[in-house]
PDB file of N, CA and C in Angstrom:
ATOM      1  N   MET A   1       0.849  -1.174   0.000  1.00  0.00           N
ATOM      2  CA  MET A   1       0.000   0.000   0.000  1.00  0.00           C
ATOM      3  C   MET A   1       0.894   1.236   0.000  1.00  0.00           C
ATOM      4  N   ALA A   2       0.433   2.274  -0.702  1.00  0.00           N
ATOM      5  CA  ALA A   2       1.097   3.574  -0.708  1.00  0.00           C
ATOM      6  C   ALA A   2       0.033   4.633  -0.445  1.00  0.00           C
ATOM      7  N   LEU A   3       0.474   5.795   0.010  1.00  0.00           N
ATOM      8  CA  LEU A   3      -0.465   6.866   0.354  1.00  0.00           C
ATOM      9  C   LEU A   3      -0.185   8.149  -0.404  1.00  0.00           C
ATOM     10  N   ASP A   4      -1.252   8.840  -0.751  1.00  0.00           N
ATOM     11  CA  ASP A   4      -1.206  10.236  -1.187  1.00  0.00           C
ATOM     12  C   ASP A   4      -1.809  11.017  -0.022  1.00  0.00           C
ATOM     13  N   ALA A   5      -0.952  11.508   0.875  1.00  0.00           N
ATOM     14  CA  ALA A   5      -1.428  12.172   2.088  1.00  0.00           C
ATOM     15  C   ALA A   5      -2.203  13.449   1.765  1.00  0.00           C
ATOM     16  N   LYS A   6      -1.728  14.207   0.795  1.00  0.00           N
ATOM     17  CA  LYS A   6      -2.402  15.459   0.426  1.00  0.00           C
ATOM     18  C   LYS A   6      -3.783  15.196  -0.176  1.00  0.00           C
ATOM     19  N   GLY A   7      -3.869  14.234  -1.079  1.00  0.00           N
ATOM     20  CA  GLY A   7      -5.143  13.901  -1.727  1.00  0.00           C
ATOM     21  C   GLY A   7      -6.009  12.960  -0.915  1.00  0.00           C
ATOM     22  N   ARG A   8      -5.471  12.458   0.216  1.00  0.00           N
ATOM     23  CA  ARG A   8      -6.198  11.554   1.113  1.00  0.00           C
ATOM     24  C   ARG A   8      -6.637  10.267   0.397  1.00  0.00           C
ATOM     25  N   ARG A   9      -5.658   9.650  -0.309  1.00  0.00           N
ATOM     26  CA  ARG A   9      -5.908   8.424  -1.051  1.00  0.00           C
ATOM     27  C   ARG A   9      -4.917   7.346  -0.631  1.00  0.00           C
ATOM     28  N   ALA A  10      -5.380   6.111  -0.619  1.00  0.00           N
ATOM     29  CA  ALA A  10      -4.525   4.944  -0.426  1.00  0.00           C
ATOM     30  C   ALA A  10      -4.551   4.141  -1.719  1.00  0.00           C
ATOM     31  N   PHE A  11      -3.405   3.615  -2.099  1.00  0.00           N
ATOM     32  CA  PHE A  11      -3.274   2.797  -3.299  1.00  0.00           C
ATOM     33  C   PHE A  11      -2.938   1.384  -2.841  1.00  0.00           C
ATOM     34  N   VAL A  12      -3.851   0.457  -3.094  1.00  0.00           N
ATOM     35  CA  VAL A  12      -3.754  -0.889  -2.545  1.00  0.00           C
ATOM     36  C   VAL A  12      -3.662  -1.897  -3.681  1.00  0.00           C
ATOM     37  N   LEU A  13      -2.651  -2.759  -3.624  1.00  0.00           N
ATOM     38  CA  LEU A  13      -2.507  -3.829  -4.610  1.00  0.00           C
ATOM     39  C   LEU A  13      -3.381  -5.001  -4.199  1.00  0.00           C
ATOM     40  N   CYS A  14      -4.157  -5.487  -5.132  1.00  0.00           N
ATOM     41  CA  CYS A  14      -5.025  -6.649  -4.911  1.00  0.00           C
ATOM     42  C   CYS A  14      -4.564  -7.736  -5.867  1.00  0.00           C
ATOM     43  N   ASN A  15      -3.604  -8.525  -5.422  1.00  0.00           N
ATOM     44  CA  ASN A  15      -2.976  -9.500  -6.305  1.00  0.00           C
ATOM     45  C   ASN A  15      -3.907 -10.631  -6.705  1.00  0.00           C
ATOM     46  N   GLY A  16      -4.882 -10.959  -5.863  1.00  0.00           N
ATOM     47  CA  GLY A  16      -5.802 -12.043  -6.184  1.00  0.00           C
ATOM     48  C   GLY A  16      -6.639 -11.774  -7.423  1.00  0.00           C
ATOM     49  N   ASN A  17      -7.044 -10.518  -7.622  1.00  0.00           N
ATOM     50  CA  ASN A  17      -7.851 -10.188  -8.805  1.00  0.00           C
ATOM     51  C   ASN A  17      -7.130  -9.231  -9.752  1.00  0.00           C
ATOM     52  N   HIS A  18      -5.846  -8.985  -9.513  1.00  0.00           N
ATOM     53  CA  HIS A  18      -4.984  -8.217 -10.418  1.00  0.00           C
ATOM     54  C   HIS A  18      -5.492  -6.800 -10.669  1.00  0.00           C
ATOM     55  N   VAL A  19      -5.766  -6.076  -9.588  1.00  0.00           N
ATOM     56  CA  VAL A  19      -6.146  -4.673  -9.708  1.00  0.00           C
ATOM     57  C   VAL A  19      -5.390  -3.857  -8.667  1.00  0.00           C
ATOM     58  N   LEU A  20      -5.245  -2.587  -8.976  1.00  0.00           N
ATOM     59  CA  LEU A  20      -4.808  -1.603  -8.006  1.00  0.00           C
ATOM     60  C   LEU A  20      -6.059  -0.813  -7.648  1.00  0.00           C
ATOM     61  N   THR A  21      -6.395  -0.793  -6.380  1.00  0.00           N
ATOM     62  CA  THR A  21      -7.590  -0.093  -5.927  1.00  0.00           C
ATOM     63  C   THR A  21      -7.187   1.224  -5.288  1.00  0.00           C
ATOM     64  N   VAL A  22      -7.895   2.277  -5.677  1.00  0.00           N
ATOM     65  CA  VAL A  22      -7.705   3.592  -5.065  1.00  0.00           C
ATOM     66  C   VAL A  22      -8.805   3.760  -4.031  1.00  0.00           C
ATOM     67  N   PHE A  23      -8.376   4.026  -2.801  1.00  0.00           N
ATOM     68  CA  PHE A  23      -9.304   4.090  -1.675  1.00  0.00           C
ATOM     69  C   PHE A  23      -9.341   5.506  -1.124  1.00  0.00           C
ATOM     70  N   ASP A  24     -10.546   6.069  -0.999  1.00  0.00           N
ATOM     71  CA  ASP A  24     -10.755   7.395  -0.410  1.00  0.00           C
ATOM     72  C   ASP A  24     -10.676   7.251   1.108  1.00  0.00           C
ATOM     73  N   LEU A  25      -9.681   7.870   1.723  1.00  0.00           N
ATOM     74  CA  LEU A  25      -9.463   7.722   3.159  1.00  0.00           C
ATOM     75  C   LEU A  25     -10.487   8.485   4.004  1.00  0.00           C
ATOM     76  N   ASP A  26     -11.161   9.458   3.431  1.00  0.00           N
ATOM     77  CA  ASP A  26     -12.168  10.215   4.172  1.00  0.00           C
ATOM     78  C   ASP A  26     -13.555   9.588   4.062  1.00  0.00           C
ATOM     79  N   ALA A  27     -13.896   9.108   2.868  1.00  0.00           N
ATOM     80  CA  ALA A  27     -15.218   8.518   2.639  1.00  0.00           C
ATOM     81  C   ALA A  27     -15.231   7.009   2.924  1.00  0.00           C
ATOM     82  N   TYR A  28     -14.056   6.419   3.154  1.00  0.00           N
ATOM     83  CA  TYR A  28     -13.940   4.982   3.437  1.00  0.00           C
ATOM     84  C   TYR A  28     -14.545   4.130   2.328  1.00  0.00           C
ATOM     85  N   ARG A  29     -14.162   4.445   1.070  1.00  0.00           N
ATOM     86  CA  ARG A  29     -14.693   3.669  -0.047  1.00  0.00           C
ATOM     87  C   ARG A  29     -13.699   3.659  -1.199  1.00  0.00           C
ATOM     88  N   SER A  30     -13.845   2.653  -2.033  1.00  0.00           N
ATOM     89  CA  SER A  30     -13.035   2.549  -3.240  1.00  0.00           C
ATOM     90  C   SER A  30     -13.571   3.517  -4.284  1.00  0.00           C
ATOM     91  N   ILE A  31     -12.658   4.230  -4.948  1.00  0.00           N
ATOM     92  CA  ILE A  31     -13.104   5.154  -6.002  1.00  0.00           C
ATOM     93  C   ILE A  31     -12.592   4.767  -7.384  1.00  0.00           C
ATOM     94  N   ALA A  32     -11.628   3.831  -7.445  1.00  0.00           N
ATOM     95  CA  ALA A  32     -11.131   3.370  -8.746  1.00  0.00           C
ATOM     96  C   ALA A  32     -10.495   1.998  -8.587  1.00  0.00           C
ATOM     97  N   SER A  33     -10.638   1.175  -9.620  1.00  0.00           N
ATOM     98  CA  SER A  33      -9.973  -0.128  -9.703  1.00  0.00           C
ATOM     99  C   SER A  33      -9.334  -0.217 -11.070  1.00  0.00           C
ATOM    100  N   ILE A  34      -8.013  -0.353 -11.081  1.00  0.00           N
ATOM    101  CA  ILE A  34      -7.259  -0.315 -12.323  1.00  0.00           C
ATOM    102  C   ILE A  34      -6.596  -1.676 -12.530  1.00  0.00           C
ATOM    103  N   PRO A  35      -6.840  -2.327 -13.681  1.00  0.00           N
ATOM    104  CA  PRO A  35      -6.220  -3.632 -13.948  1.00  0.00           C
ATOM    105  C   PRO A  35      -4.692  -3.516 -13.989  1.00  0.00           C
ATOM    106  N   ILE A  36      -4.017  -4.520 -13.415  1.00  0.00           N
ATOM    107  CA  ILE A  36      -2.561  -4.571 -13.418  1.00  0.00           C
ATOM    108  C   ILE A  36      -2.118  -5.983 -13.776  1.00  0.00           C
ATOM    109  N   PRO A  37      -0.876  -6.142 -14.234  1.00  0.00           N
ATOM    110  CA  PRO A  37      -0.369  -7.481 -14.522  1.00  0.00           C
ATOM    111  C   PRO A  37      -0.242  -8.317 -13.246  1.00  0.00           C
ATOM    112  N   THR A  38      -0.001  -9.605 -13.420  1.00  0.00           N
ATOM    113  CA  THR A  38       0.131 -10.508 -12.275  1.00  0.00           C
ATOM    114  C   THR A  38       1.448 -10.268 -11.533  1.00  0.00           C
ATOM    115  N   GLY A  39       1.451 -10.681 -10.290  1.00  0.00           N
ATOM    116  CA  GLY A  39       2.673 -10.638  -9.499  1.00  0.00           C
ATOM    117  C   GLY A  39       3.011  -9.287  -8.909  1.00  0.00           C
ATOM    118  N   ALA A  40       2.023  -8.439  -8.685  1.00  0.00           N
ATOM    119  CA  ALA A  40       2.293  -7.129  -8.100  1.00  0.00           C
ATOM    120  C   ALA A  40       2.820  -7.286  -6.684  1.00  0.00           C
ATOM    121  N   ASP A  41       3.960  -6.683  -6.417  1.00  0.00           N
ATOM    122  CA  ASP A  41       4.611  -6.837  -5.122  1.00  0.00           C
ATOM    123  C   ASP A  41       4.670  -5.557  -4.307  1.00  0.00           C
ATOM    124  N   VAL A  42       4.859  -4.437  -4.961  1.00  0.00           N
ATOM    125  CA  VAL A  42       5.065  -3.191  -4.224  1.00  0.00           C
ATOM    126  C   VAL A  42       4.487  -2.028  -5.025  1.00  0.00           C
ATOM    127  N   VAL A  43       3.958  -1.050  -4.304  1.00  0.00           N
ATOM    128  CA  VAL A  43       3.408   0.140  -4.937  1.00  0.00           C
ATOM    129  C   VAL A  43       4.017   1.361  -4.261  1.00  0.00           C
ATOM    130  N   LYS A  44       4.359   2.374  -5.057  1.00  0.00           N
ATOM    131  CA  LYS A  44       4.928   3.626  -4.551  1.00  0.00           C
ATOM    132  C   LYS A  44       4.215   4.801  -5.215  1.00  0.00           C
ATOM    133  N   PHE A  45       4.199   5.927  -4.510  1.00  0.00           N
ATOM    134  CA  PHE A  45       3.555   7.142  -5.023  1.00  0.00           C
ATOM    135  C   PHE A  45       4.583   8.258  -5.100  1.00  0.00           C
ATOM    136  N   ASP A  46       4.674   8.900  -6.262  1.00  0.00           N
ATOM    137  CA  ASP A  46       5.521  10.075  -6.456  1.00  0.00           C
ATOM    138  C   ASP A  46       4.621  11.299  -6.316  1.00  0.00           C
ATOM    139  N   SER A  47       4.707  11.974  -5.186  1.00  0.00           N
ATOM    140  CA  SER A  47       3.832  13.112  -4.908  1.00  0.00           C
ATOM    141  C   SER A  47       4.138  14.320  -5.770  1.00  0.00           C
ATOM    142  N   GLY A  48       5.335  14.404  -6.342  1.00  0.00           N
ATOM    143  CA  GLY A  48       5.676  15.523  -7.223  1.00  0.00           C
ATOM    144  C   GLY A  48       5.008  15.422  -8.579  1.00  0.00           C
ATOM    145  N   LEU A  49       4.979  14.226  -9.139  1.00  0.00           N
ATOM    146  CA  LEU A  49       4.350  14.004 -10.447  1.00  0.00           C
ATOM    147  C   LEU A  49       2.937  13.460 -10.324  1.00  0.00           C
ATOM    148  N   ASN A  50       2.510  13.136  -9.103  1.00  0.00           N
ATOM    149  CA  ASN A  50       1.212  12.492  -8.872  1.00  0.00           C
ATOM    150  C   ASN A  50       1.097  11.206  -9.684  1.00  0.00           C
ATOM    151  N   ARG A  51       2.132  10.384  -9.555  1.00  0.00           N
ATOM    152  CA  ARG A  51       2.162   9.108 -10.265  1.00  0.00           C
ATOM    153  C   ARG A  51       2.279   7.958  -9.292  1.00  0.00           C
ATOM    154  N   ILE A  52       1.626   6.878  -9.655  1.00  0.00           N
ATOM    155  CA  ILE A  52       1.668   5.641  -8.891  1.00  0.00           C
ATOM    156  C   ILE A  52       2.455   4.634  -9.726  1.00  0.00           C
ATOM    157  N   TYR A  53       3.385   3.934  -9.076  1.00  0.00           N
ATOM    158  CA  TYR A  53       4.177   2.898  -9.730  1.00  0.00           C
ATOM    159  C   TYR A  53       3.982   1.591  -8.968  1.00  0.00           C
ATOM    160  N   ALA A  54       3.762   0.511  -9.705  1.00  0.00           N
ATOM    161  CA  ALA A  54       3.647  -0.804  -9.082  1.00  0.00           C
ATOM    162  C   ALA A  54       4.567  -1.770  -9.819  1.00  0.00           C
ATOM    163  N   ALA A  55       5.427  -2.455  -9.056  1.00  0.00           N
ATOM    164  CA  ALA A  55       6.320  -3.462  -9.633  1.00  0.00           C
ATOM    165  C   ALA A  55       5.586  -4.792  -9.682  1.00  0.00           C
ATOM    166  N   CYS A  56       5.586  -5.406 -10.860  1.00  0.00           N
ATOM    167  CA  CYS A  56       4.909  -6.692 -11.051  1.00  0.00           C
ATOM    168  C   CYS A  56       5.951  -7.720 -11.494  1.00  0.00           C
ATOM    169  N   ALA A  57       6.062  -8.800 -10.743  1.00  0.00           N
ATOM    170  CA  ALA A  57       7.069  -9.825 -11.002  1.00  0.00           C
ATOM    171  C   ALA A  57       6.892 -10.498 -12.358  1.00  0.00           C
ATOM    172  N   SER A  58       5.733 -10.344 -12.977  1.00  0.00           N
ATOM    173  CA  SER A  58       5.510 -10.931 -14.297  1.00  0.00           C
ATOM    174  C   SER A  58       6.274 -10.192 -15.388  1.00  0.00           C
ATOM    175  N   GLY A  59       6.843  -9.011 -15.064  1.00  0.00           N
ATOM    176  CA  GLY A  59       7.674  -8.299 -16.038  1.00  0.00           C
ATOM    177  C   GLY A  59       7.160  -6.940 -16.439  1.00  0.00           C
ATOM    178  N   ALA A  60       6.627  -6.182 -15.492  1.00  0.00           N
ATOM    179  CA  ALA A  60       6.140  -4.839 -15.819  1.00  0.00           C
ATOM    180  C   ALA A  60       6.206  -3.940 -14.593  1.00  0.00           C
ATOM    181  N   ILE A  61       6.388  -2.668 -14.858  1.00  0.00           N
ATOM    182  CA  ILE A  61       6.148  -1.636 -13.853  1.00  0.00           C
ATOM    183  C   ILE A  61       4.944  -0.855 -14.364  1.00  0.00           C
ATOM    184  N   VAL A  62       3.874  -0.892 -13.595  1.00  0.00           N
ATOM    185  CA  VAL A  62       2.644  -0.180 -13.955  1.00  0.00           C
ATOM    186  C   VAL A  62       2.834   1.291 -13.597  1.00  0.00           C
ATOM    187  N   VAL A  63       2.420   2.160 -14.519  1.00  0.00           N
ATOM    188  CA  VAL A  63       2.502   3.600 -14.291  1.00  0.00           C
ATOM    189  C   VAL A  63       1.090   4.168 -14.403  1.00  0.00           C
ATOM    190  N   ILE A  64       0.615   4.776 -13.314  1.00  0.00           N
ATOM    191  CA  ILE A  64      -0.735   5.333 -13.257  1.00  0.00           C
ATOM    192  C   ILE A  64      -0.639   6.809 -12.892  1.00  0.00           C
ATOM    193  N   GLN A  65      -1.348   7.626 -13.614  1.00  0.00           N
ATOM    194  CA  GLN A  65      -1.364   9.067 -13.362  1.00  0.00           C
ATOM    195  C   GLN A  65      -2.585   9.444 -12.536  1.00  0.00           C
ATOM    196  N   GLU A  66      -2.353  10.201 -11.474  1.00  0.00           N
ATOM    197  CA  GLU A  66      -3.451  10.788 -10.707  1.00  0.00           C
ATOM    198  C   GLU A  66      -3.676  12.184 -11.280  1.00  0.00           C
ATOM    199  N   ASP A  67      -4.746  12.348 -12.066  1.00  0.00           N
ATOM    200  CA  ASP A  67      -5.045  13.658 -12.641  1.00  0.00           C
ATOM    201  C   ASP A  67      -5.543  14.612 -11.559  1.00  0.00           C
ATOM    202  N   ASP A  68      -6.329  14.093 -10.658  1.00  0.00           N
ATOM    203  CA  ASP A  68      -6.776  14.777  -9.448  1.00  0.00           C
ATOM    204  C   ASP A  68      -7.237  13.672  -8.506  1.00  0.00           C
ATOM    205  N   PRO A  69      -7.562  13.982  -7.250  1.00  0.00           N
ATOM    206  CA  PRO A  69      -7.900  12.896  -6.319  1.00  0.00           C
ATOM    207  C   PRO A  69      -9.126  12.057  -6.689  1.00  0.00           C
ATOM    208  N   GLN A  70      -9.854  12.429  -7.733  1.00  0.00           N
ATOM    209  CA  GLN A  70     -11.009  11.639  -8.181  1.00  0.00           C
ATOM    210  C   GLN A  70     -10.772  10.891  -9.484  1.00  0.00           C
ATOM    211  N   HIS A  71      -9.686  11.240 -10.204  1.00  0.00           N
ATOM    212  CA  HIS A  71      -9.488  10.688 -11.549  1.00  0.00           C
ATOM    213  C   HIS A  71      -8.079  10.122 -11.709  1.00  0.00           C
ATOM    214  N   PHE A  72      -8.038   8.849 -12.153  1.00  0.00           N
ATOM    215  CA  PHE A  72      -6.801   8.112 -12.330  1.00  0.00           C
ATOM    216  C   PHE A  72      -6.826   7.427 -13.685  1.00  0.00           C
ATOM    217  N   ARG A  73      -5.653   7.361 -14.331  1.00  0.00           N
ATOM    218  CA  ARG A  73      -5.581   6.675 -15.622  1.00  0.00           C
ATOM    219  C   ARG A  73      -4.239   5.966 -15.740  1.00  0.00           C
ATOM    220  N   LYS A  74      -4.307   4.770 -16.307  1.00  0.00           N
ATOM    221  CA  LYS A  74      -3.076   4.018 -16.527  1.00  0.00           C
ATOM    222  C   LYS A  74      -2.352   4.618 -17.723  1.00  0.00           C
ATOM    223  N   LEU A  75      -1.070   4.946 -17.523  1.00  0.00           N
ATOM    224  CA  LEU A  75      -0.249   5.421 -18.627  1.00  0.00           C
ATOM    225  C   LEU A  75       0.345   4.261 -19.405  1.00  0.00           C
ATOM    226  N   GLU A  76       0.824   3.245 -18.670  1.00  0.00           N
ATOM    227  CA  GLU A  76       1.377   2.078 -19.362  1.00  0.00           C
ATOM    228  C   GLU A  76       1.754   0.982 -18.377  1.00  0.00           C
ATOM    229  N   ASP A  77       1.951  -0.201 -18.944  1.00  0.00           N
ATOM    230  CA  ASP A  77       2.602  -1.310 -18.268  1.00  0.00           C
ATOM    231  C   ASP A  77       4.001  -1.355 -18.879  1.00  0.00           C
ATOM    232  N   PHE A  78       4.950  -0.682 -18.226  1.00  0.00           N
ATOM    233  CA  PHE A  78       6.299  -0.561 -18.762  1.00  0.00           C
ATOM    234  C   PHE A  78       7.020  -1.898 -18.633  1.00  0.00           C
ATOM    235  N   PRO A  79       7.482  -2.478 -19.762  1.00  0.00           N
ATOM    236  CA  PRO A  79       8.115  -3.804 -19.697  1.00  0.00           C
ATOM    237  C   PRO A  79       9.482  -3.755 -19.012  1.00  0.00           C
ATOM    238  N   VAL A  80       9.694  -4.685 -18.086  1.00  0.00           N
ATOM    239  CA  VAL A  80      10.976  -4.861 -17.405  1.00  0.00           C
ATOM    240  C   VAL A  80      11.255  -6.356 -17.350  1.00  0.00           C
ATOM    241  N   GLU A  81      12.425  -6.705 -16.864  1.00  0.00           N
ATOM    242  CA  GLU A  81      12.756  -8.118 -16.694  1.00  0.00           C
ATOM    243  C   GLU A  81      11.795  -8.749 -15.687  1.00  0.00           C
ATOM    244  N   PRO A  82      11.455 -10.010 -15.860  1.00  0.00           N
ATOM    245  CA  PRO A  82      10.626 -10.689 -14.858  1.00  0.00           C
ATOM    246  C   PRO A  82      11.318 -10.712 -13.498  1.00  0.00           C
ATOM    247  N   LYS A  83      10.528 -10.922 -12.478  1.00  0.00           N
ATOM    248  CA  LYS A  83      10.981 -11.049 -11.094  1.00  0.00           C
ATOM    249  C   LYS A  83      11.486  -9.742 -10.499  1.00  0.00           C
ATOM    250  N   VAL A  84      11.027  -8.610 -11.014  1.00  0.00           N
ATOM    251  CA  VAL A  84      11.288  -7.338 -10.333  1.00  0.00           C
ATOM    252  C   VAL A  84      10.252  -7.250  -9.220  1.00  0.00           C
ATOM    253  N   HIS A  85      10.718  -7.393  -7.985  1.00  0.00           N
ATOM    254  CA  HIS A  85       9.822  -7.478  -6.832  1.00  0.00           C
ATOM    255  C   HIS A  85       9.783  -6.204  -6.004  1.00  0.00           C
ATOM    256  N   SER A  86      10.540  -5.210  -6.392  1.00  0.00           N
ATOM    257  CA  SER A  86      10.634  -4.028  -5.553  1.00  0.00           C
ATOM    258  C   SER A  86      10.931  -2.816  -6.422  1.00  0.00           C
ATOM    259  N   LEU A  87      10.681  -1.648  -5.872  1.00  0.00           N
ATOM    260  CA  LEU A  87      11.092  -0.407  -6.513  1.00  0.00           C
ATOM    261  C   LEU A  87      11.079   0.700  -5.485  1.00  0.00           C
ATOM    262  N   ALA A  88      11.779   1.765  -5.822  1.00  0.00           N
ATOM    263  CA  ALA A  88      11.801   2.962  -4.984  1.00  0.00           C
ATOM    264  C   ALA A  88      11.677   4.163  -5.903  1.00  0.00           C
ATOM    265  N   VAL A  89      11.070   5.222  -5.392  1.00  0.00           N
ATOM    266  CA  VAL A  89      10.884   6.451  -6.166  1.00  0.00           C
ATOM    267  C   VAL A  89      11.538   7.597  -5.412  1.00  0.00           C
ATOM    268  N   ASP A  90      12.361   8.365  -6.130  1.00  0.00           N
ATOM    269  CA  ASP A  90      12.955   9.577  -5.572  1.00  0.00           C
ATOM    270  C   ASP A  90      12.020  10.737  -5.929  1.00  0.00           C
ATOM    271  N   VAL A  91      11.338  11.292  -4.942  1.00  0.00           N
ATOM    272  CA  VAL A  91      10.342  12.339  -5.215  1.00  0.00           C
ATOM    273  C   VAL A  91      10.973  13.662  -5.620  1.00  0.00           C
ATOM    274  N   ASN A  92      12.288  13.805  -5.464  1.00  0.00           N
ATOM    275  CA  ASN A  92      12.966  15.027  -5.904  1.00  0.00           C
ATOM    276  C   ASN A  92      13.373  14.964  -7.370  1.00  0.00           C
ATOM    277  N   THR A  93      13.916  13.823  -7.794  1.00  0.00           N
ATOM    278  CA  THR A  93      14.357  13.669  -9.191  1.00  0.00           C
ATOM    279  C   THR A  93      13.321  12.951 -10.044  1.00  0.00           C
ATOM    280  N   HIS A  94      12.360  12.277  -9.403  1.00  0.00           N
ATOM    281  CA  HIS A  94      11.315  11.471 -10.044  1.00  0.00           C
ATOM    282  C   HIS A  94      11.875  10.228 -10.729  1.00  0.00           C
ATOM    283  N   ARG A  95      13.080   9.834 -10.356  1.00  0.00           N
ATOM    284  CA  ARG A  95      13.646   8.593 -10.868  1.00  0.00           C
ATOM    285  C   ARG A  95      13.025   7.407 -10.141  1.00  0.00           C
ATOM    286  N   VAL A  96      12.887   6.321 -10.889  1.00  0.00           N
ATOM    287  CA  VAL A  96      12.377   5.070 -10.336  1.00  0.00           C
ATOM    288  C   VAL A  96      13.526   4.073 -10.355  1.00  0.00           C
ATOM    289  N   TYR A  97      13.793   3.464  -9.203  1.00  0.00           N
ATOM    290  CA  TYR A  97      14.873   2.497  -9.043  1.00  0.00           C
ATOM    291  C   TYR A  97      14.266   1.110  -8.870  1.00  0.00           C
ATOM    292  N   ALA A  98      14.754   0.163  -9.668  1.00  0.00           N
ATOM    293  CA  ALA A  98      14.231  -1.205  -9.595  1.00  0.00           C
ATOM    294  C   ALA A  98      15.394  -2.191  -9.666  1.00  0.00           C
ATOM    295  N   PRO A  99      15.530  -3.057  -8.666  1.00  0.00           N
ATOM    296  CA  PRO A  99      16.586  -4.073  -8.713  1.00  0.00           C
ATOM    297  C   PRO A  99      16.165  -5.258  -9.575  1.00  0.00           C
ATOM    298  N   GLU A 100      17.102  -5.706 -10.399  1.00  0.00           N
ATOM    299  CA  GLU A 100      16.870  -6.904 -11.215  1.00  0.00           C
ATOM    300  C   GLU A 100      17.611  -8.080 -10.597  1.00  0.00           C
ATOM    301  N   GLN A 101      16.978  -9.247 -10.635  1.00  0.00           N
ATOM    302  CA  GLN A 101      17.661 -10.458 -10.195  1.00  0.00           C
ATOM    303  C   GLN A 101      17.884 -11.421 -11.354  1.00  0.00           C
ATOM    304  N   GLU A 102      17.271 -11.118 -12.492  1.00  0.00           N
ATOM    305  CA  GLU A 102      17.460 -11.928 -13.696  1.00  0.00           C
ATOM    306  C   GLU A 102      17.490 -11.019 -14.914  1.00  0.00           C
ATOM    307  N   GLU A 103      18.253 -11.449 -15.909  1.00  0.00           N
ATOM    308  CA  GLU A 103      18.219 -10.815 -17.220  1.00  0.00           C
ATOM    309  C   GLU A 103      18.310 -11.925 -18.244  1.00  0.00           C
ATOM    310  N   ARG A 104      17.272 -12.033 -19.075  1.00  0.00           N
ATOM    311  CA  ARG A 104      17.179 -13.115 -20.056  1.00  0.00           C
ATOM    312  C   ARG A 104      17.379 -14.480 -19.400  1.00  0.00           C
ATOM    313  N   SER A 105      16.713 -14.658 -18.254  1.00  0.00           N
ATOM    314  CA  SER A 105      16.711 -15.906 -17.479  1.00  0.00           C
ATOM    315  C   SER A 105      18.058 -16.265 -16.869  1.00  0.00           C
ATOM    316  N   ARG A 106      18.975 -15.330 -16.811  1.00  0.00           N
ATOM    317  CA  ARG A 106      20.275 -15.558 -16.174  1.00  0.00           C
ATOM    318  C   ARG A 106      20.362 -14.692 -14.923  1.00  0.00           C
ATOM    319  N   PRO A 107      20.953 -15.188 -13.853  1.00  0.00           N
ATOM    320  CA  PRO A 107      21.047 -14.420 -12.613  1.00  0.00           C
ATOM    321  C   PRO A 107      21.910 -13.165 -12.776  1.00  0.00           C
ATOM    322  N   VAL A 108      21.433 -12.067 -12.222  1.00  0.00           N
ATOM    323  CA  VAL A 108      22.193 -10.813 -12.161  1.00  0.00           C
ATOM    324  C   VAL A 108      21.875 -10.137 -10.829  1.00  0.00           C
ATOM    325  N   SER A 109      22.665  -9.165 -10.518  1.00  0.00           N
ATOM    326  CA  SER A 109      22.394  -8.307  -9.364  1.00  0.00           C
ATOM    327  C   SER A 109      22.648  -6.893  -9.839  1.00  0.00           C
ATOM    328  N   ARG A 110      21.564  -6.214 -10.208  1.00  0.00           N
ATOM    329  CA  ARG A 110      21.704  -4.932 -10.882  1.00  0.00           C
ATOM    330  C   ARG A 110      20.571  -3.990 -10.483  1.00  0.00           C
ATOM    331  N   MET A 111      20.912  -2.721 -10.337  1.00  0.00           N
ATOM    332  CA  MET A 111      19.910  -1.687 -10.074  1.00  0.00           C
ATOM    333  C   MET A 111      19.682  -0.918 -11.374  1.00  0.00           C
ATOM    334  N   ILE A 112      18.446  -0.904 -11.822  1.00  0.00           N
ATOM    335  CA  ILE A 112      18.082  -0.172 -13.030  1.00  0.00           C
ATOM    336  C   ILE A 112      17.425   1.134 -12.592  1.00  0.00           C
ATOM    337  N   VAL A 113      17.785   2.220 -13.268  1.00  0.00           N
ATOM    338  CA  VAL A 113      17.238   3.541 -12.948  1.00  0.00           C
ATOM    339  C   VAL A 113      16.450   4.025 -14.150  1.00  0.00           C
ATOM    340  N   TYR A 114      15.181   4.376 -13.913  1.00  0.00           N
ATOM    341  CA  TYR A 114      14.293   4.861 -14.966  1.00  0.00           C
ATOM    342  C   TYR A 114      14.021   6.338 -14.741  1.00  0.00           C
ATOM    343  N   GLU A 115      14.054   7.107 -15.825  1.00  0.00           N
ATOM    344  CA  GLU A 115      13.731   8.532 -15.781  1.00  0.00           C
ATOM    345  C   GLU A 115      12.265   8.694 -16.135  1.00  0.00           C
ATOM    346  N   ALA A 116      11.539   9.431 -15.320  1.00  0.00           N
ATOM    347  CA  ALA A 116      10.122   9.705 -15.621  1.00  0.00           C
ATOM    348  C   ALA A 116      10.043  10.682 -16.781  1.00  0.00           C
ATOM    349  N   ILE A 117       9.042  10.485 -17.625  1.00  0.00           N
ATOM    350  CA  ILE A 117       8.805  11.418 -18.723  1.00  0.00           C
ATOM    351  C   ILE A 117       7.431  12.041 -18.535  1.00  0.00           C
ATOM    352  N   SER A 118       7.259  13.217 -19.099  1.00  0.00           N
ATOM    353  CA  SER A 118       5.959  13.898 -19.009  1.00  0.00           C
ATOM    354  C   SER A 118       5.057  13.386 -20.102  1.00  0.00           C
ATOM    355  N   ARG A 119       3.807  13.205 -19.736  1.00  0.00           N
ATOM    356  CA  ARG A 119       2.778  12.792 -20.693  1.00  0.00           C
ATOM    357  C   ARG A 119       1.564  13.644 -20.471  1.00  0.00           C
ATOM    358  N   PRO A 120       0.875  13.977 -21.570  1.00  0.00           N
ATOM    359  CA  PRO A 120      -0.364  14.774 -21.400  1.00  0.00           C
ATOM    360  C   PRO A 120      -1.455  13.981 -20.724  1.00  0.00           C
TER     361      PRO A 120
END
C-alpha cells in the first residue's frame, strides 16, 4: 500500500484479482480499480508528479497518473525483466529504481534507474 497524504488516497494492490484499488481515506470507499499485470509486489507514489508505480514480477512496472484525487488513468505497463519485486521512487528527481535479479533468465544483481517522462 502507498499513500497520497495530500489527496487523502490509499493505493492498494489486490494480487488475487490483479487490480490496483484507489481508496478514499475520508469517505472509506473505493473510487477506482485499475487492472494490473500478475505478481504485483510493491506500490509507490511520487507526490511531485502524482504518479503511482507498481512493480509486477511478471515483467512490468505499472505507471498510473493521478489527474486529481477523483481521476486516475493508466499510462502504461512498462516492460521490465521478470521477477522485479521491488522499486523505490525519488520524489525530488522522479527517478524510479528497480533491482533486477534476472536478465534473459540468467542471474544478475543490478539496479536499473528509470527517468520519468511527461505525458499529457
